[in-house]
Amino acid sequence: MTIMKRQTIEIERAIEHLNRPDRLHLIEVLVRSLQQDEQPPPAAERKANLARLLEELSGVPTANPQDGLSNRDHDDVIYGQRR
């Protein structure tokens, strides 16, 4: 049996006596704890991500293609008929 499995069994035994509201409270505490541990990416990483996004966006055509369809026509093809 792995260490993780043994620890999981120990945790289950430790909380099996808790009623539903107490278990839900425990879940909320754990989630808040995990959220606090999350750190935003460093500024350099955010800047690199933005640069990649801008590079991808620069490849998107800004004018209608020469197929005779309007932007709405393309939306209808992609997303289905509007109601």
Protein backbone atom coordinates (compact mmCIF):
# COMPACT_ATOMS: atom_id res chain seq x y z
CA MET A 1 0.00 0.00 0.00
CA THR A 2 1.37 3.42 -0.94
CA ILE A 3 2.00 6.16 1.59
CA MET A 4 -0.66 8.31 -0.07
CA LYS A 5 -3.24 5.51 0.22
CA ARG A 6 -2.40 4.98 3.91
CA GLN A 7 -2.66 8.70 4.60
CA THR A 8 -6.00 8.87 2.79
CA ILE A 9 -7.35 6.00 4.91
CA GLU A 10 -6.16 7.75 8.09
CA ILE A 11 -7.89 10.98 7.04
CA GLU A 12 -11.12 9.12 6.22
CA ARG A 13 -11.06 7.48 9.65
CA ALA A 14 -10.38 10.83 11.34
CA ILE A 15 -13.39 12.51 9.73
CA GLU A 16 -15.88 9.65 9.63
CA HIS A 17 -17.44 10.82 12.91
CA LEU A 18 -18.13 14.34 11.54
CA ASN A 19 -21.66 15.24 10.53
CA ARG A 20 -22.44 16.65 7.10
CA PRO A 21 -22.21 20.38 8.01
CA ASP A 22 -18.85 19.81 9.70
CA ARG A 23 -17.53 17.93 6.66
CA LEU A 24 -18.69 20.73 4.38
CA HIS A 25 -16.98 23.26 6.64
CA LEU A 26 -13.79 21.20 6.46
CA ILE A 27 -13.99 21.19 2.66
CA GLU A 28 -14.38 24.97 2.62
CA VAL A 29 -11.35 25.39 4.89
CA LEU A 30 -9.26 23.11 2.68
CA VAL A 31 -10.29 24.91 -0.51
CA ARG A 32 -9.47 28.32 0.99
CA SER A 33 -6.11 26.95 2.08
CA LEU A 34 -5.36 25.71 -1.43
CA GLN A 35 -6.43 29.00 -2.99
CA GLN A 36 -4.12 30.93 -0.67
CA ASP A 37 -1.21 28.69 -1.67
CA GLU A 38 -1.68 29.57 -5.34
CA GLN A 39 0.70 32.24 -6.50
CA PRO A 40 0.10 34.30 -9.63
CA PRO A 41 2.63 33.68 -12.37
CA PRO A 42 5.68 35.94 -12.30
CA ALA A 43 5.50 39.16 -14.30
CA ALA A 44 7.96 37.83 -16.89
CA GLU A 45 5.74 34.79 -17.52
CA ARG A 46 2.61 36.95 -17.83
CA LYS A 47 4.45 39.24 -20.26
CA ALA A 48 5.58 36.26 -22.35
CA ASN A 49 2.03 34.86 -22.39
CA LEU A 50 0.69 38.23 -23.53
CA ALA A 51 3.32 38.43 -26.27
CA ARG A 52 2.32 34.96 -27.53
CA LEU A 53 -1.35 35.93 -27.50
CA LEU A 54 -0.67 39.14 -29.40
CA GLU A 55 1.38 37.17 -31.94
CA GLU A 56 -1.52 34.77 -32.47
CA LEU A 57 -3.99 37.63 -32.78
CA SER A 58 -1.83 39.37 -35.37
CA GLY A 59 -2.49 36.42 -37.68
CA VAL A 60 -6.27 36.84 -37.52
CA PRO A 61 -7.57 38.59 -40.64
CA THR A 62 -9.11 41.99 -40.06
CA ALA A 63 -10.99 42.18 -43.36
CA ASN A 64 -13.77 39.99 -44.70
CA PRO A 65 -12.58 37.13 -46.87
CA GLN A 66 -13.47 37.30 -50.53
CA ASP A 67 -16.15 34.62 -50.29
CA GLY A 68 -19.10 37.00 -50.47
CA LEU A 69 -20.30 36.23 -46.95
CA SER A 70 -20.77 38.83 -44.24
CA ASN A 71 -19.50 38.50 -40.67
CA ARG A 72 -23.05 37.57 -39.67
CA ASP A 73 -23.10 34.87 -42.35
CA HIS A 74 -19.88 33.44 -40.97
CA ASP A 75 -21.31 33.53 -37.45
CA ASP A 76 -24.38 31.65 -38.68
CA VAL A 77 -22.16 28.98 -40.23
CA ILE A 78 -19.97 28.67 -37.14
CA TYR A 79 -22.56 29.05 -34.36
CA GLY A 80 -25.82 28.15 -36.07
CA GLN A 81 -28.78 30.27 -37.10
CA ARG A 82 -29.67 33.18 -34.82
CA ARG A 83 -33.14 33.21 -33.40
